[in-house]
Amino acid sequence: MNNLLVPLRPEHVPDVVQTHLASFPGFFLSFLGARFLAVYYNGICSTPEGIGFCYLNASGVPAGFVVGSSNPRGFYSRLLRRHWLSFSLASVRAVLRKPSVLGRVARGFLHPGGNPVGNHVAGLYSIGVLPELQGTGAGKKLVNAFLFEAANRGCNRVFLTTDRDGNEAVNIFYQKLGFTLERQYQTREGRSMNEYWISVAKDGENE
């Protein structure tokens, strides 16, 4: 079977979770664990605003993914309201290991309330590719599929955030795809972040 891009579906979520854990070791969502991530990615599958794609390897197994949403302002808080019990149960183990993470979980869901509002804007929240696909162009294809879908939904701009420090390859990756750095800021936890934007046309071509 040839590599194939497909819309993210619930049956892909277990492999997407494993790809996330392999792509982001030591990151906060990875610390919350596989169960939390499964609720998160299933939530994106089930919400009308959710946008997600998988990149299947030669065996037909997801080895790369990209997710985000249209109308990004408050997306996480809306997701939390829909699935609050599942998120609560999924985060119990992490909170017991480190009670201080509870406040960060809450901030993580409430902070995006400051994101841009409107169905004309989309946010790209996460992209991960296993080592077997790195250097194959899979990441570029995933991002382009996301931009194409966002444009088809009536969005004219897409934004994303990524770490500013110690993250040169990722920043260069987005810049080469046509994203423009528009803002830099620090999170409450002290992470220095870059905010990138790109304009997209209705035919899916980047402007």
Protein backbone atom coordinates (compact mmCIF):
# COMPACT_ATOMS: atom_id res chain seq x y z
CA MET A 1 0.00 0.00 0.00
CA ASN A 2 1.34 3.47 -0.88
CA ASN A 3 1.52 6.27 1.66
CA LEU A 4 -1.83 7.98 1.88
CA LEU A 5 -3.34 11.05 3.50
CA VAL A 6 -6.74 10.42 5.07
CA PRO A 7 -9.05 12.44 7.34
CA LEU A 8 -8.55 11.68 11.02
CA ARG A 9 -11.12 9.17 12.27
CA PRO A 10 -11.68 7.54 15.70
CA GLU A 11 -10.06 4.28 14.59
CA HIS A 12 -6.82 6.19 13.95
CA VAL A 13 -6.65 7.68 17.43
CA PRO A 14 -4.64 4.92 19.20
CA ASP A 15 -1.85 5.19 16.62
CA VAL A 16 -2.02 9.00 16.64
CA VAL A 17 -1.60 8.93 20.43
CA GLN A 18 1.52 6.79 20.09
CA THR A 19 2.88 9.10 17.40
CA HIS A 20 2.24 12.08 19.66
CA LEU A 21 4.06 10.44 22.58
CA ALA A 22 7.03 9.58 20.34
CA SER A 23 7.12 13.07 18.79
CA PHE A 24 6.77 15.09 22.00
CA PRO A 25 8.58 13.31 24.86
CA GLY A 26 8.67 15.43 27.97
CA PHE A 27 5.96 17.82 26.79
CA PHE A 28 2.97 18.63 28.98
CA LEU A 29 0.28 16.76 27.03
CA SER A 30 2.54 13.71 26.88
CA PHE A 31 2.93 13.91 30.68
CA LEU A 32 -0.87 13.78 31.00
CA GLY A 33 -0.71 10.38 29.34
CA ALA A 34 -2.15 8.26 26.56
CA ARG A 35 -5.67 8.21 28.00
CA PHE A 36 -5.87 12.00 28.11
CA LEU A 37 -4.51 12.26 24.57
CA ALA A 38 -7.07 9.73 23.35
CA VAL A 39 -9.91 11.84 24.75
CA TYR A 40 -8.37 14.93 23.14
CA TYR A 41 -7.95 13.47 19.66
CA ASN A 42 -11.32 11.73 19.75
CA GLY A 43 -12.80 15.08 20.70
CA ILE A 44 -11.28 16.73 17.67
CA CYS A 45 -12.74 13.95 15.50
CA SER A 46 -16.21 14.51 16.91
CA THR A 47 -16.47 18.31 16.90
CA PRO A 48 -17.70 20.13 13.78
CA GLU A 49 -14.84 22.65 13.96
CA GLY A 50 -12.16 19.96 14.16
CA ILE A 51 -9.71 19.49 11.28
CA GLY A 52 -7.42 16.47 11.26
CA PHE A 53 -5.49 14.27 8.86
CA CYS A 54 -3.34 11.14 9.17
CA TYR A 55 -0.45 10.06 7.01
CA LEU A 56 -0.49 6.29 6.61
CA ASN A 57 2.72 4.33 6.22
CA ALA A 58 3.26 1.55 3.68
CA SER A 59 1.35 -0.85 5.96
CA GLY A 60 -1.65 1.45 6.20
CA VAL A 61 -0.91 2.46 9.80
CA PRO A 62 -0.96 6.15 10.84
CA ALA A 63 2.63 7.33 11.26
CA GLY A 64 1.96 11.07 11.05
CA PHE A 65 -0.88 13.43 11.89
CA VAL A 66 -1.98 17.05 11.96
CA VAL A 67 -4.90 18.52 13.93
CA GLY A 68 -6.51 21.89 14.53
CA SER A 69 -9.81 23.67 14.16
CA SER A 70 -11.68 26.51 12.60
CA ASN A 71 -13.04 29.25 14.88
CA PRO A 72 -10.18 28.70 17.34
CA ARG A 73 -11.20 31.15 20.06
CA GLY A 74 -12.49 29.08 22.95
CA PHE A 75 -12.12 25.81 21.06
CA TYR A 76 -10.50 24.01 23.99
CA SER A 77 -13.06 25.27 26.48
CA ARG A 78 -15.88 24.10 24.20
CA LEU A 79 -14.15 20.74 23.88
CA LEU A 80 -13.82 20.55 27.65
CA ARG A 81 -17.50 21.29 28.16
CA ARG A 82 -18.48 18.51 25.76
CA HIS A 83 -16.15 15.93 27.29
CA TRP A 84 -15.50 17.23 30.81
CA LEU A 85 -16.05 13.90 32.55
CA SER A 86 -13.76 11.98 30.20
CA PHE A 87 -11.03 14.64 30.51
CA SER A 88 -11.39 14.66 34.30
CA LEU A 89 -11.07 10.89 34.61
CA ALA A 90 -8.19 10.79 32.13
CA SER A 91 -6.18 13.39 34.03
CA VAL A 92 -6.56 11.82 37.52
CA ARG A 93 -3.35 9.77 37.37
CA ALA A 94 -1.24 12.72 36.23
CA VAL A 95 -2.74 14.99 38.90
CA LEU A 96 -2.04 12.41 41.60
CA ARG A 97 1.58 12.17 40.44
CA LYS A 98 1.96 15.95 40.37
CA PRO A 99 -0.96 17.91 41.88
CA SER A 100 0.42 21.23 40.61
CA VAL A 101 -0.48 20.26 37.03
CA LEU A 102 -4.19 20.75 37.78
CA GLY A 103 -3.90 24.52 37.43
CA ARG A 104 -1.95 24.16 34.21
CA VAL A 105 -4.59 21.83 32.76
CA ALA A 106 -7.24 24.45 33.50
CA ARG A 107 -5.14 27.25 32.03
CA GLY A 108 -4.42 25.16 28.96
CA PHE A 109 -8.11 24.89 28.21
CA LEU A 110 -8.98 28.46 29.12
CA HIS A 111 -5.97 30.30 27.64
CA PRO A 112 -7.02 29.81 24.00
CA GLY A 113 -9.98 32.05 24.78
CA GLY A 114 -7.60 34.77 23.59
CA ASN A 115 -7.14 33.13 20.21
CA PRO A 116 -8.56 34.79 17.08
CA VAL A 117 -12.30 34.46 16.72
CA GLY A 118 -14.40 33.64 13.67
CA ASN A 119 -14.93 30.92 11.10
CA HIS A 120 -12.58 32.77 8.73
CA VAL A 121 -9.60 31.75 10.89
CA ALA A 122 -8.16 28.30 11.66
CA GLY A 123 -5.60 27.18 14.21
CA LEU A 124 -3.13 24.37 13.61
CA TYR A 125 -2.56 22.89 17.05
CA SER A 126 -0.34 19.86 16.62
CA ILE A 127 1.61 17.90 14.03
CA GLY A 128 3.73 14.81 14.57
CA VAL A 129 5.61 12.41 12.30
CA LEU A 130 7.39 9.20 13.28
CA PRO A 131 11.11 8.87 12.39
CA GLU A 132 10.27 6.41 9.59
CA LEU A 133 8.57 9.26 7.68
CA GLN A 134 10.95 12.08 8.47
CA GLY A 135 12.63 13.44 5.37
CA THR A 136 9.92 12.02 3.09
CA GLY A 137 7.88 15.21 2.80
CA ALA A 138 5.10 13.77 4.96
CA GLY A 139 5.09 16.78 7.28
CA LYS A 140 4.74 19.20 4.37
CA LYS A 141 1.90 17.14 2.89
CA LEU A 142 0.08 17.08 6.22
CA VAL A 143 0.34 20.85 6.64
CA ASN A 144 -0.77 21.48 3.06
CA ALA A 145 -3.76 19.15 3.53
CA PHE A 146 -4.70 21.11 6.65
CA LEU A 147 -4.41 24.46 4.82
CA PHE A 148 -6.45 23.14 1.90
CA GLU A 149 -9.24 21.95 4.20
CA ALA A 150 -9.21 25.21 6.18
CA ALA A 151 -9.59 27.17 2.94
CA ASN A 152 -12.43 24.91 1.80
CA ARG A 153 -14.23 25.68 5.06
CA GLY A 154 -14.06 29.38 4.29
CA CYS A 155 -10.98 30.26 6.35
CA ASN A 156 -8.61 32.80 4.84
CA ARG A 157 -5.84 32.66 7.46
CA VAL A 158 -4.26 29.94 9.59
CA PHE A 159 -2.08 30.41 12.66
CA LEU A 160 0.07 28.18 14.84
CA THR A 161 2.45 28.54 17.77
CA THR A 162 5.71 26.72 18.41
CA ASP A 163 8.66 27.02 20.79
CA ARG A 164 11.09 29.79 19.93
CA ASP A 165 14.17 28.38 21.69
CA GLY A 166 15.91 25.09 20.90
CA ASN A 167 13.48 24.51 18.07
CA GLU A 168 15.30 25.83 15.02
CA ALA A 169 14.43 22.98 12.63
CA VAL A 170 10.70 23.32 13.31
CA ASN A 171 10.75 27.10 12.91
CA ILE A 172 12.62 26.78 9.62
CA PHE A 173 10.11 24.12 8.49
CA TYR A 174 7.16 26.49 8.93
CA GLN A 175 8.99 29.43 7.38
CA LYS A 176 9.80 27.37 4.29
CA LEU A 177 6.11 26.51 3.97
CA GLY A 178 5.28 30.21 3.80
CA PHE A 179 4.31 30.96 7.40
CA THR A 180 5.24 34.44 8.65
CA LEU A 181 6.31 35.16 12.23
CA GLU A 182 3.90 37.79 13.57
CA ARG A 183 4.29 37.63 17.35
CA GLN A 184 6.57 36.39 20.12
CA TYR A 185 5.47 35.90 23.70
CA GLN A 186 6.10 33.95 26.89
CA THR A 187 3.68 31.53 28.51
CA ARG A 188 2.94 31.66 32.21
CA GLU A 189 5.27 28.68 32.58
CA GLY A 190 8.10 30.69 31.00
CA ARG A 191 8.18 29.10 27.53
CA SER A 192 9.22 31.50 24.77
CA MET A 193 6.86 31.05 21.83
CA ASN A 194 6.63 32.09 18.19
CA GLU A 195 3.24 32.73 16.60
CA TYR A 196 3.10 32.16 12.82
CA TRP A 197 0.39 33.03 10.31
CA ILE A 198 -0.29 32.16 6.69
CA SER A 199 -2.98 33.30 4.26
CA VAL A 200 -4.79 30.64 2.26
CA ALA A 201 -6.86 30.92 -0.91
CA LYS A 202 -10.14 29.19 -1.62
CA ASP A 203 -8.50 26.86 -4.14
CA GLY A 204 -6.13 25.63 -1.43
CA GLU A 205 -3.07 27.47 -2.77
CA ASN A 206 -1.14 29.48 -0.19
CA GLU A 207 -1.09 33.20 -0.88
